[in-house]
Amino acid sequence: MSKEKNSYKGSISSSYKTKELLKNTILLGIIATAGAFFTWWIMLMIFTDGLEKSVVVPIEVTYLVFIIVYSVFITIIVLIYLYNTAYVKNFSYKISEDHIVIKHGVLTKIVATIPYSRIQNINIVNGVFDRMFKTFTVKIETAGSSAAAASAKSGHVKPEGYIPGLKDPKTIEKKIKEMMTKYSAVPSSLEDKIFKPEELAFDNFISYILSKMREGEKLKTSITELREKANLSAADLAEKVGVPLQTINYLAEGRYNPSLALTYKIAEVLHCKIEDLFKLV
């Protein structure tokens, strides 16, 4: 079966824009009402300033204040609705064998590619407004996300894998977990080359790395040299192993610690031993 057949595509429900409209209408309605009364109170203070007897603000002024405030309120609500309509139309996601691709954005188009090796957790959120429209939000937490770090600094935490307005989040969660399990599985061609059980193999792998680190000051990879020796570009290696090009670059630079399965895949493609992938300087 081809990778395309194994992929799962989807979009978000139109109920998302209705939910956001209701939520923003309530919030902005409260702000607009408070702003109108505050403005009316300021006008009252102006009209009664320096006067001993009370003076009523002219009804025309009162009407004008409320018309201006609620005209702005209605304009903002319409713009929000149009924005969310475009947001729903432009939002799509694809769960493939190698990674998850999320496309979204109205003014700025964003394409987020998330390899399964970086996924740490999957959360399904069902807030108050979500329950009213029977929608859910899936949040895919990843390791080392620059977007997540930036949002955390700004006080607005939104994970890199953010999919709102879903009617059936369990299907997506199941698909992602299936792909993650498949991605982390040891290739059948290598099963006879590793220890049993797999936990013992992982301990052996980690012990090797730690022992090498104790022998020298710095541990570096030989992936670039072995790749060039095999006449493969970084992109070719990434395609054969089944990971994004960025992962191969991070590995070559020593900025990423590979999983046991990924290490065996790279060793198989480069026709070398695992210990040959690392060197001391």
C-alpha atoms as a PDB file:
ATOM      1  CA  MET A   1       0.000   0.000   0.000  1.00  0.00           C
ATOM      2  CA  SER A   2       1.401   3.419  -0.934  1.00  0.00           C
ATOM      3  CA  LYS A   3       2.104   6.181   1.544  1.00  0.00           C
ATOM      4  CA  GLU A   4      -0.664   8.238  -0.031  1.00  0.00           C
ATOM      5  CA  LYS A   5      -3.203   5.495   0.670  1.00  0.00           C
ATOM      6  CA  ASN A   6      -2.021   5.256   4.282  1.00  0.00           C
ATOM      7  CA  SER A   7      -2.382   8.996   4.832  1.00  0.00           C
ATOM      8  CA  TYR A   8      -5.388  10.612   6.484  1.00  0.00           C
ATOM      9  CA  LYS A   9      -6.615  14.079   5.482  1.00  0.00           C
ATOM     10  CA  GLY A  10      -9.157  16.292   7.159  1.00  0.00           C
ATOM     11  CA  SER A  11     -10.439  19.797   7.878  1.00  0.00           C
ATOM     12  CA  ILE A  12     -12.167  21.502  10.784  1.00  0.00           C
ATOM     13  CA  SER A  13     -15.926  21.840  11.302  1.00  0.00           C
ATOM     14  CA  SER A  14     -17.833  24.971  10.284  1.00  0.00           C
ATOM     15  CA  SER A  15     -19.167  24.982  13.863  1.00  0.00           C
ATOM     16  CA  TYR A  16     -15.785  26.447  14.838  1.00  0.00           C
ATOM     17  CA  LYS A  17     -16.599  29.860  13.338  1.00  0.00           C
ATOM     18  CA  THR A  18     -20.026  29.874  15.060  1.00  0.00           C
ATOM     19  CA  LYS A  19     -18.416  29.006  18.378  1.00  0.00           C
ATOM     20  CA  GLU A  20     -15.807  31.743  17.999  1.00  0.00           C
ATOM     21  CA  LEU A  21     -18.527  34.216  16.962  1.00  0.00           C
ATOM     22  CA  LEU A  22     -20.557  33.494  20.101  1.00  0.00           C
ATOM     23  CA  LYS A  23     -17.513  33.666  22.353  1.00  0.00           C
ATOM     24  CA  ASN A  24     -16.323  36.972  20.897  1.00  0.00           C
ATOM     25  CA  THR A  25     -19.843  38.451  20.849  1.00  0.00           C
ATOM     26  CA  ILE A  26     -20.251  37.819  24.583  1.00  0.00           C
ATOM     27  CA  LEU A  27     -16.797  39.168  25.428  1.00  0.00           C
ATOM     28  CA  LEU A  28     -16.977  42.236  23.179  1.00  0.00           C
ATOM     29  CA  GLY A  29     -20.607  42.840  24.165  1.00  0.00           C
ATOM     30  CA  ILE A  30     -19.593  43.146  27.799  1.00  0.00           C
ATOM     31  CA  ILE A  31     -16.722  45.460  26.868  1.00  0.00           C
ATOM     32  CA  ALA A  32     -18.932  47.583  24.583  1.00  0.00           C
ATOM     33  CA  THR A  33     -21.661  47.952  27.209  1.00  0.00           C
ATOM     34  CA  ALA A  34     -19.156  48.895  29.898  1.00  0.00           C
ATOM     35  CA  GLY A  35     -17.497  51.344  27.482  1.00  0.00           C
ATOM     36  CA  ALA A  36     -20.818  52.949  26.570  1.00  0.00           C
ATOM     37  CA  PHE A  37     -21.821  53.520  30.172  1.00  0.00           C
ATOM     38  CA  PHE A  38     -18.339  54.780  31.054  1.00  0.00           C
ATOM     39  CA  THR A  39     -18.467  57.262  28.148  1.00  0.00           C
ATOM     40  CA  TRP A  40     -21.962  58.353  29.202  1.00  0.00           C
ATOM     41  CA  TRP A  41     -20.693  58.896  32.756  1.00  0.00           C
ATOM     42  CA  ILE A  42     -17.798  61.034  31.470  1.00  0.00           C
ATOM     43  CA  MET A  43     -20.290  63.124  29.462  1.00  0.00           C
ATOM     44  CA  LEU A  44     -22.417  63.517  32.581  1.00  0.00           C
ATOM     45  CA  MET A  45     -19.407  64.780  34.530  1.00  0.00           C
ATOM     46  CA  ILE A  46     -18.683  67.290  31.766  1.00  0.00           C
ATOM     47  CA  PHE A  47     -22.254  68.622  31.670  1.00  0.00           C
ATOM     48  CA  THR A  48     -22.519  68.919  35.470  1.00  0.00           C
ATOM     49  CA  ASP A  49     -19.048  70.363  36.062  1.00  0.00           C
ATOM     50  CA  GLY A  50     -19.271  73.546  38.141  1.00  0.00           C
ATOM     51  CA  LEU A  51     -23.041  73.375  38.452  1.00  0.00           C
ATOM     52  CA  GLU A  52     -24.761  73.131  41.818  1.00  0.00           C
ATOM     53  CA  LYS A  53     -27.940  71.523  40.583  1.00  0.00           C
ATOM     54  CA  SER A  54     -28.049  68.250  38.720  1.00  0.00           C
ATOM     55  CA  VAL A  55     -28.230  68.353  34.954  1.00  0.00           C
ATOM     56  CA  VAL A  56     -29.451  65.537  32.739  1.00  0.00           C
ATOM     57  CA  VAL A  57     -27.310  64.605  29.746  1.00  0.00           C
ATOM     58  CA  PRO A  58     -29.270  65.415  26.569  1.00  0.00           C
ATOM     59  CA  ILE A  59     -30.944  62.336  25.167  1.00  0.00           C
ATOM     60  CA  GLU A  60     -29.395  63.043  21.771  1.00  0.00           C
ATOM     61  CA  VAL A  61     -25.899  62.796  23.285  1.00  0.00           C
ATOM     62  CA  THR A  62     -26.813  59.536  25.010  1.00  0.00           C
ATOM     63  CA  TYR A  63     -28.103  58.090  21.754  1.00  0.00           C
ATOM     64  CA  LEU A  64     -24.988  59.249  19.915  1.00  0.00           C
ATOM     65  CA  VAL A  65     -22.670  57.592  22.442  1.00  0.00           C
ATOM     66  CA  PHE A  66     -24.469  54.245  22.233  1.00  0.00           C
ATOM     67  CA  ILE A  67     -24.703  54.402  18.424  1.00  0.00           C
ATOM     68  CA  ILE A  68     -20.968  55.022  18.045  1.00  0.00           C
ATOM     69  CA  VAL A  69     -19.963  52.346  20.564  1.00  0.00           C
ATOM     70  CA  TYR A  70     -22.253  49.656  19.176  1.00  0.00           C
ATOM     71  CA  SER A  71     -21.440  50.524  15.560  1.00  0.00           C
ATOM     72  CA  VAL A  72     -17.802  49.781  16.347  1.00  0.00           C
ATOM     73  CA  PHE A  73     -18.919  46.628  18.185  1.00  0.00           C
ATOM     74  CA  ILE A  74     -20.939  45.337  15.212  1.00  0.00           C
ATOM     75  CA  THR A  75     -18.118  46.157  12.768  1.00  0.00           C
ATOM     76  CA  ILE A  76     -15.612  44.178  14.843  1.00  0.00           C
ATOM     77  CA  ILE A  77     -17.997  41.221  15.135  1.00  0.00           C
ATOM     78  CA  VAL A  78     -18.510  41.149  11.349  1.00  0.00           C
ATOM     79  CA  LEU A  79     -14.744  41.265  10.761  1.00  0.00           C
ATOM     80  CA  ILE A  80     -14.205  38.440  13.266  1.00  0.00           C
ATOM     81  CA  TYR A  81     -16.850  36.326  11.526  1.00  0.00           C
ATOM     82  CA  LEU A  82     -15.285  36.912   8.109  1.00  0.00           C
ATOM     83  CA  TYR A  83     -11.836  36.120   9.490  1.00  0.00           C
ATOM     84  CA  ASN A  84     -12.975  32.851  11.097  1.00  0.00           C
ATOM     85  CA  THR A  85     -14.833  31.884   7.905  1.00  0.00           C
ATOM     86  CA  ALA A  86     -11.587  32.241   5.949  1.00  0.00           C
ATOM     87  CA  TYR A  87      -9.663  30.479   8.757  1.00  0.00           C
ATOM     88  CA  VAL A  88     -11.947  27.424   8.576  1.00  0.00           C
ATOM     89  CA  LYS A  89     -11.721  27.383   4.769  1.00  0.00           C
ATOM     90  CA  ASN A  90      -7.895  27.508   4.790  1.00  0.00           C
ATOM     91  CA  PHE A  91      -7.360  25.014   7.620  1.00  0.00           C
ATOM     92  CA  SER A  92      -6.415  21.454   6.704  1.00  0.00           C
ATOM     93  CA  TYR A  93      -4.271  18.682   8.090  1.00  0.00           C
ATOM     94  CA  LYS A  94      -2.703  15.485   6.778  1.00  0.00           C
ATOM     95  CA  ILE A  95      -1.453  12.525   8.792  1.00  0.00           C
ATOM     96  CA  SER A  96       1.066  10.640   6.649  1.00  0.00           C
ATOM     97  CA  GLU A  97       3.446   7.781   7.403  1.00  0.00           C
ATOM     98  CA  ASP A  98       6.379  10.094   8.111  1.00  0.00           C
ATOM     99  CA  HIS A  99       4.908  13.237   9.622  1.00  0.00           C
ATOM    100  CA  ILE A 100       1.873  15.438  10.258  1.00  0.00           C
ATOM    101  CA  VAL A 101       1.279  18.495   8.064  1.00  0.00           C
ATOM    102  CA  ILE A 102      -1.007  21.280   9.311  1.00  0.00           C
ATOM    103  CA  LYS A 103      -1.885  24.154   6.948  1.00  0.00           C
ATOM    104  CA  HIS A 104      -3.624  27.257   8.249  1.00  0.00           C
ATOM    105  CA  GLY A 105      -3.620  31.039   8.203  1.00  0.00           C
ATOM    106  CA  VAL A 106      -5.607  33.882   6.669  1.00  0.00           C
ATOM    107  CA  LEU A 107      -3.279  36.832   6.172  1.00  0.00           C
ATOM    108  CA  THR A 108      -0.151  34.728   6.663  1.00  0.00           C
ATOM    109  CA  LYS A 109      -0.164  31.178   5.324  1.00  0.00           C
ATOM    110  CA  ILE A 110       1.536  28.678   7.631  1.00  0.00           C
ATOM    111  CA  VAL A 111       2.535  25.079   6.920  1.00  0.00           C
ATOM    112  CA  ALA A 112       3.667  23.175  10.028  1.00  0.00           C
ATOM    113  CA  THR A 113       5.403  19.820   9.492  1.00  0.00           C
ATOM    114  CA  ILE A 114       5.708  17.680  12.610  1.00  0.00           C
ATOM    115  CA  PRO A 115       7.816  14.465  12.479  1.00  0.00           C
ATOM    116  CA  TYR A 116       6.613  11.699  14.795  1.00  0.00           C
ATOM    117  CA  SER A 117       9.998  11.610  16.531  1.00  0.00           C
ATOM    118  CA  ARG A 118       9.226  15.021  18.092  1.00  0.00           C
ATOM    119  CA  ILE A 119       5.717  14.281  19.373  1.00  0.00           C
ATOM    120  CA  GLN A 120       5.606  14.042  23.160  1.00  0.00           C
ATOM    121  CA  ASN A 121       1.941  14.167  24.026  1.00  0.00           C
ATOM    122  CA  ILE A 122      -1.552  14.452  22.491  1.00  0.00           C
ATOM    123  CA  ASN A 123      -4.243  16.346  24.433  1.00  0.00           C
ATOM    124  CA  ILE A 124      -7.942  16.578  23.583  1.00  0.00           C
ATOM    125  CA  VAL A 125      -9.607  19.732  24.956  1.00  0.00           C
ATOM    126  CA  ASN A 126     -13.372  20.201  25.276  1.00  0.00           C
ATOM    127  CA  GLY A 127     -14.102  23.627  26.807  1.00  0.00           C
ATOM    128  CA  VAL A 128     -17.391  25.271  27.734  1.00  0.00           C
ATOM    129  CA  PHE A 129     -18.053  26.711  24.277  1.00  0.00           C
ATOM    130  CA  ASP A 130     -16.761  23.507  22.640  1.00  0.00           C
ATOM    131  CA  ARG A 131     -19.387  21.474  24.484  1.00  0.00           C
ATOM    132  CA  MET A 132     -22.138  23.801  23.268  1.00  0.00           C
ATOM    133  CA  PHE A 133     -21.242  23.001  19.644  1.00  0.00           C
ATOM    134  CA  LYS A 134     -19.967  19.452  20.241  1.00  0.00           C
ATOM    135  CA  THR A 135     -16.471  20.269  19.010  1.00  0.00           C
ATOM    136  CA  PHE A 136     -13.020  19.416  20.333  1.00  0.00           C
ATOM    137  CA  THR A 137      -9.491  20.778  20.065  1.00  0.00           C
ATOM    138  CA  VAL A 138      -6.497  18.484  19.575  1.00  0.00           C
ATOM    139  CA  LYS A 139      -3.187  19.801  20.905  1.00  0.00           C
ATOM    140  CA  ILE A 140      -0.055  17.941  19.795  1.00  0.00           C
ATOM    141  CA  GLU A 141       2.844  18.844  22.074  1.00  0.00           C
ATOM    142  CA  THR A 142       6.271  18.566  20.491  1.00  0.00           C
ATOM    143  CA  ALA A 143       9.845  18.673  21.715  1.00  0.00           C
ATOM    144  CA  GLY A 144      12.036  21.630  20.811  1.00  0.00           C
ATOM    145  CA  SER A 145       9.345  23.660  19.075  1.00  0.00           C
ATOM    146  CA  SER A 146      10.483  27.225  18.398  1.00  0.00           C
ATOM    147  CA  ALA A 147       6.863  28.254  17.924  1.00  0.00           C
ATOM    148  CA  ALA A 148       5.896  26.852  21.301  1.00  0.00           C
ATOM    149  CA  ALA A 149       8.837  28.572  22.965  1.00  0.00           C
ATOM    150  CA  ALA A 150       7.924  31.908  21.400  1.00  0.00           C
ATOM    151  CA  SER A 151       4.282  31.577  22.403  1.00  0.00           C
ATOM    152  CA  ALA A 152       5.263  30.648  25.948  1.00  0.00           C
ATOM    153  CA  LYS A 153       7.368  33.812  26.244  1.00  0.00           C
ATOM    154  CA  SER A 154       4.486  35.932  25.011  1.00  0.00           C
ATOM    155  CA  GLY A 155       2.134  34.354  27.545  1.00  0.00           C
ATOM    156  CA  HIS A 156      -0.041  32.718  24.875  1.00  0.00           C
ATOM    157  CA  VAL A 157       0.646  29.010  24.924  1.00  0.00           C
ATOM    158  CA  LYS A 158      -0.453  27.296  21.709  1.00  0.00           C
ATOM    159  CA  PRO A 159       1.313  24.073  20.680  1.00  0.00           C
ATOM    160  CA  GLU A 160       2.815  23.613  17.237  1.00  0.00           C
ATOM    161  CA  GLY A 161       0.251  20.927  16.484  1.00  0.00           C
ATOM    162  CA  TYR A 162      -2.999  22.828  17.096  1.00  0.00           C
ATOM    163  CA  ILE A 163      -6.182  21.496  15.449  1.00  0.00           C
ATOM    164  CA  PRO A 164      -9.439  23.120  16.676  1.00  0.00           C
ATOM    165  CA  GLY A 165     -13.076  22.558  15.737  1.00  0.00           C
ATOM    166  CA  LEU A 166     -13.043  18.771  15.407  1.00  0.00           C
ATOM    167  CA  LYS A 167     -16.170  16.641  15.654  1.00  0.00           C
ATOM    168  CA  ASP A 168     -14.352  13.309  16.046  1.00  0.00           C
ATOM    169  CA  PRO A 169     -10.957  13.823  17.731  1.00  0.00           C
ATOM    170  CA  LYS A 170     -10.591  10.150  18.664  1.00  0.00           C
ATOM    171  CA  THR A 171     -10.085   9.233  15.002  1.00  0.00           C
ATOM    172  CA  ILE A 172      -7.166  11.645  14.657  1.00  0.00           C
ATOM    173  CA  GLU A 173      -5.663  10.517  17.958  1.00  0.00           C
ATOM    174  CA  LYS A 174      -5.907   6.884  16.868  1.00  0.00           C
ATOM    175  CA  LYS A 175      -4.333   7.599  13.456  1.00  0.00           C
ATOM    176  CA  ILE A 176      -1.434   9.537  14.987  1.00  0.00           C
ATOM    177  CA  LYS A 177      -0.739   6.836  17.572  1.00  0.00           C
ATOM    178  CA  GLU A 178      -0.837   4.164  14.851  1.00  0.00           C
ATOM    179  CA  MET A 179       1.724   6.077  12.792  1.00  0.00           C
ATOM    180  CA  MET A 180       3.887   6.750  15.859  1.00  0.00           C
ATOM    181  CA  THR A 181       3.886   3.042  16.702  1.00  0.00           C
ATOM    182  CA  LYS A 182       4.782   2.168  13.129  1.00  0.00           C
ATOM    183  CA  TYR A 183       7.511   4.819  13.018  1.00  0.00           C
ATOM    184  CA  SER A 184       9.145   3.666  16.265  1.00  0.00           C
ATOM    185  CA  ALA A 185       9.002  -0.020  15.356  1.00  0.00           C
ATOM    186  CA  VAL A 186      12.265  -1.761  14.517  1.00  0.00           C
ATOM    187  CA  PRO A 187      12.414  -2.802  10.831  1.00  0.00           C
ATOM    188  CA  SER A 188      11.812  -6.517  10.282  1.00  0.00           C
ATOM    189  CA  SER A 189      15.108  -6.812   8.390  1.00  0.00           C
ATOM    190  CA  LEU A 190      16.945  -5.738  11.535  1.00  0.00           C
ATOM    191  CA  GLU A 191      15.051  -7.766  14.127  1.00  0.00           C
ATOM    192  CA  ASP A 192      17.645 -10.540  14.079  1.00  0.00           C
ATOM    193  CA  LYS A 193      20.444  -8.018  14.689  1.00  0.00           C
ATOM    194  CA  ILE A 194      19.218  -6.582  17.983  1.00  0.00           C
ATOM    195  CA  PHE A 195      18.862  -7.940  21.453  1.00  0.00           C
ATOM    196  CA  LYS A 196      15.636  -9.360  22.892  1.00  0.00           C
ATOM    197  CA  PRO A 197      13.784  -7.884  24.640  1.00  0.00           C
ATOM    198  CA  GLU A 198      13.972  -4.398  23.056  1.00  0.00           C
ATOM    199  CA  GLU A 199      14.457  -2.730  26.453  1.00  0.00           C
ATOM    200  CA  LEU A 200      17.777  -4.556  26.752  1.00  0.00           C
ATOM    201  CA  ALA A 201      18.830  -3.314  23.334  1.00  0.00           C
ATOM    202  CA  PHE A 202      18.025   0.251  24.318  1.00  0.00           C
ATOM    203  CA  ASP A 203      20.063  -0.108  27.537  1.00  0.00           C
ATOM    204  CA  ASN A 204      22.955  -1.462  25.495  1.00  0.00           C
ATOM    205  CA  PHE A 205      22.714   1.462  23.067  1.00  0.00           C
ATOM    206  CA  ILE A 206      22.676   4.061  25.859  1.00  0.00           C
ATOM    207  CA  SER A 207      25.529   2.320  27.668  1.00  0.00           C
ATOM    208  CA  TYR A 208      27.604   2.513  24.518  1.00  0.00           C
ATOM    209  CA  ILE A 209      26.985   6.251  24.128  1.00  0.00           C
ATOM    210  CA  LEU A 210      27.762   6.965  27.782  1.00  0.00           C
ATOM    211  CA  SER A 211      30.948   4.901  27.680  1.00  0.00           C
ATOM    212  CA  LYS A 212      32.115   6.801  24.612  1.00  0.00           C
ATOM    213  CA  MET A 213      31.387  10.113  26.303  1.00  0.00           C
ATOM    214  CA  ARG A 214      33.486   9.077  29.313  1.00  0.00           C
ATOM    215  CA  GLU A 215      36.400   8.242  27.044  1.00  0.00           C
ATOM    216  CA  GLY A 216      36.644  11.691  25.477  1.00  0.00           C
ATOM    217  CA  GLU A 217      35.656  15.302  25.861  1.00  0.00           C
ATOM    218  CA  LYS A 218      33.146  15.465  23.059  1.00  0.00           C
ATOM    219  CA  LEU A 219      31.019  13.028  21.082  1.00  0.00           C
ATOM    220  CA  LYS A 220      30.321  13.752  17.408  1.00  0.00           C
ATOM    221  CA  THR A 221      28.616  11.841  14.645  1.00  0.00           C
ATOM    222  CA  SER A 222      30.181  10.485  11.487  1.00  0.00           C
ATOM    223  CA  ILE A 223      26.910  10.606   9.565  1.00  0.00           C
ATOM    224  CA  THR A 224      28.119  13.227   7.084  1.00  0.00           C
ATOM    225  CA  GLU A 225      31.293  11.290   6.221  1.00  0.00           C
ATOM    226  CA  LEU A 226      29.484   7.962   5.912  1.00  0.00           C
ATOM    227  CA  ARG A 227      26.705   9.574   3.867  1.00  0.00           C
ATOM    228  CA  GLU A 228      29.186  11.105   1.416  1.00  0.00           C
ATOM    229  CA  LYS A 229      31.049   7.801   1.220  1.00  0.00           C
ATOM    230  CA  ALA A 230      27.773   6.148   0.210  1.00  0.00           C
ATOM    231  CA  ASN A 231      27.240   8.889  -2.431  1.00  0.00           C
ATOM    232  CA  LEU A 232      24.051  10.072  -0.765  1.00  0.00           C
ATOM    233  CA  SER A 233      22.909  13.627  -0.192  1.00  0.00           C
ATOM    234  CA  ALA A 234      21.294  14.608   3.096  1.00  0.00           C
ATOM    235  CA  ALA A 235      17.935  14.703   1.320  1.00  0.00           C
ATOM    236  CA  ASP A 236      18.496  11.194  -0.120  1.00  0.00           C
ATOM    237  CA  LEU A 237      19.326   9.825   3.328  1.00  0.00           C
ATOM    238  CA  ALA A 238      16.292  11.497   4.866  1.00  0.00           C
ATOM    239  CA  GLU A 239      14.039   9.980   2.194  1.00  0.00           C
ATOM    240  CA  LYS A 240      15.464   6.475   2.578  1.00  0.00           C
ATOM    241  CA  VAL A 241      15.259   6.573   6.368  1.00  0.00           C
ATOM    242  CA  GLY A 242      11.801   8.154   6.330  1.00  0.00           C
ATOM    243  CA  VAL A 243      12.448  11.335   8.325  1.00  0.00           C
ATOM    244  CA  PRO A 244      12.472  15.063   7.475  1.00  0.00           C
ATOM    245  CA  LEU A 245      15.701  16.575   6.134  1.00  0.00           C
ATOM    246  CA  GLN A 246      15.913  18.740   9.261  1.00  0.00           C
ATOM    247  CA  THR A 247      16.256  15.621  11.423  1.00  0.00           C
ATOM    248  CA  ILE A 248      19.273  14.420   9.416  1.00  0.00           C
ATOM    249  CA  ASN A 249      20.876  17.871   9.648  1.00  0.00           C
ATOM    250  CA  TYR A 250      20.337  17.968  13.416  1.00  0.00           C
ATOM    251  CA  LEU A 251      21.854  14.501  13.771  1.00  0.00           C
ATOM    252  CA  ALA A 252      24.898  15.472  11.715  1.00  0.00           C
ATOM    253  CA  GLU A 253      25.403  18.577  13.851  1.00  0.00           C
ATOM    254  CA  GLY A 254      25.071  16.606  17.083  1.00  0.00           C
ATOM    255  CA  ARG A 255      22.005  18.587  18.152  1.00  0.00           C
ATOM    256  CA  TYR A 256      19.620  15.626  18.257  1.00  0.00           C
ATOM    257  CA  ASN A 257      19.769  12.251  20.025  1.00  0.00           C
ATOM    258  CA  PRO A 258      18.211   9.589  17.795  1.00  0.00           C
ATOM    259  CA  SER A 259      15.912   6.796  18.929  1.00  0.00           C
ATOM    260  CA  LEU A 260      17.114   3.207  18.787  1.00  0.00           C
ATOM    261  CA  ALA A 261      14.933   2.434  15.757  1.00  0.00           C
ATOM    262  CA  LEU A 262      16.133   5.501  13.847  1.00  0.00           C
ATOM    263  CA  THR A 263      19.774   4.654  14.595  1.00  0.00           C
ATOM    264  CA  TYR A 264      19.352   1.164  13.180  1.00  0.00           C
ATOM    265  CA  LYS A 265      17.610   2.542  10.071  1.00  0.00           C
ATOM    266  CA  ILE A 266      20.470   4.963   9.403  1.00  0.00           C
ATOM    267  CA  ALA A 267      23.059   2.218   9.963  1.00  0.00           C
ATOM    268  CA  GLU A 268      21.202  -0.040   7.536  1.00  0.00           C
ATOM    269  CA  VAL A 269      21.026   2.623   4.795  1.00  0.00           C
ATOM    270  CA  LEU A 270      24.699   3.593   5.233  1.00  0.00           C
ATOM    271  CA  HIS A 271      25.792  -0.074   5.473  1.00  0.00           C
ATOM    272  CA  CYS A 272      27.692   0.409   8.702  1.00  0.00           C
ATOM    273  CA  LYS A 273      27.646  -0.554  12.355  1.00  0.00           C
ATOM    274  CA  ILE A 274      25.951   1.592  14.954  1.00  0.00           C
ATOM    275  CA  GLU A 275      29.274   2.332  16.644  1.00  0.00           C
ATOM    276  CA  ASP A 276      30.592   3.675  13.319  1.00  0.00           C
ATOM    277  CA  LEU A 277      27.983   6.467  13.419  1.00  0.00           C
ATOM    278  CA  PHE A 278      29.735   8.125  16.352  1.00  0.00           C
ATOM    279  CA  LYS A 279      33.272   9.361  16.835  1.00  0.00           C
ATOM    280  CA  LEU A 280      35.291  11.098  19.523  1.00  0.00           C
ATOM    281  CA  VAL A 281      37.316  14.264  18.979  1.00  0.00           C
END
